[in-house]
């Protein structure tokens, strides 16, 4: 089950931030989970895996909650908009953005708290959760060794990791882009450091466009941003690149961030291939059209995964989509659903003596509808080092 909240509408454009103008979320009453529902939070890139897993998809695959069990699976989205975009306050402009900090009621009878809007924020929240309001975290990265150490000190045992599947971070441009068919990691080092500001300055592309490149990045804290910058650091001899002055910060996984710039044909951005596949499949619809809704959003962007003009192969970086929970919950002897002997971890995510919901082929179809390559694996006590 996911929140049925009203949403802030976003308009993609280039600038310091891509944002929605003049929109604030009104007061409303979402479903407030009970003390025995299972509640998750976390990153936006893997959020649809859990949304569909809980409530089903538009392809007719039924989610866990379709069985009408007494206790529900609830996954609160990271974003303030069901199209996966952030929200902004009234009076925001591109020059002076006023970011909305959307809130959420995690349990019935509790006060609203700030909605975690990234994998890292979700992990930080469960580590700070002294009242056990949060059961699991959606994450597009593994917990760090330091986060696992904190989990141990909190009495969690550790953050147990289950991988739902794989995604990849790729570079996108418009369908009419001036970029080469593919951009190598070396190309991206030159572009994001400001060394190459025109397409014809890339290795092997001297006959290419003289258009001025507009490189985009998601905000700090984004797994997509961190993944790309870590890859560029590795390709730069282990030295972090200094971003060029032409690099713009925009909303994550929003095609209009690319198509809405002053020169879309010269704009590129890192993007979740899973999210782009959802756009290409027609899942997202025009938010400016009243119920029963308008046409599907045509993303207007494509993966630049062809052959680069120079040496190397097109940039592609695989990431996992994970669920993290307290190992102490995995060892609970309290059954979750009436009439069952399984606790909630065993029922949903990890059961050495059975087949939890997200390990079943039916859940695999739901995860695949979110564009993720389903590849369930119970990883246990894992960290990124």
Foldseek 3Di string as FASTA:
>chain_A
DEWPADAADFFAEFAQEGAGEADDGDDDDTDFFAPQAAEEAAEQLQQLLQVCQFANDPVPQGHPCVVVFPHGHYYYHLARDPLSWHHFHYPADRVRTHGDQDWDRLHPPDDTDGGHHHRVSRLVCVLVDPPPSHFKYKHQAFAAPVSQVSLVVVVLNGWWKKFFFKWKKFKKAFPLAQAALFAALVNVLCPFLVVDQARCVGPLNVVGGRDGAQEEEEDPRHPSRVVSQCSNCVVVVNHGGDGDPRYHYYHAQALSNQVRYPDRNRYMYIHIQLSVVLLVVQVAFDPVDDPVGDGGDNSRMDGSFQQHSHDDGHDMGMTTTMMIGRVVQCPDQDPSTPPDRHNPCCQAPDDPVDQHSSNDVSSCVSSVSSSGNGDIDRPTRDHPD
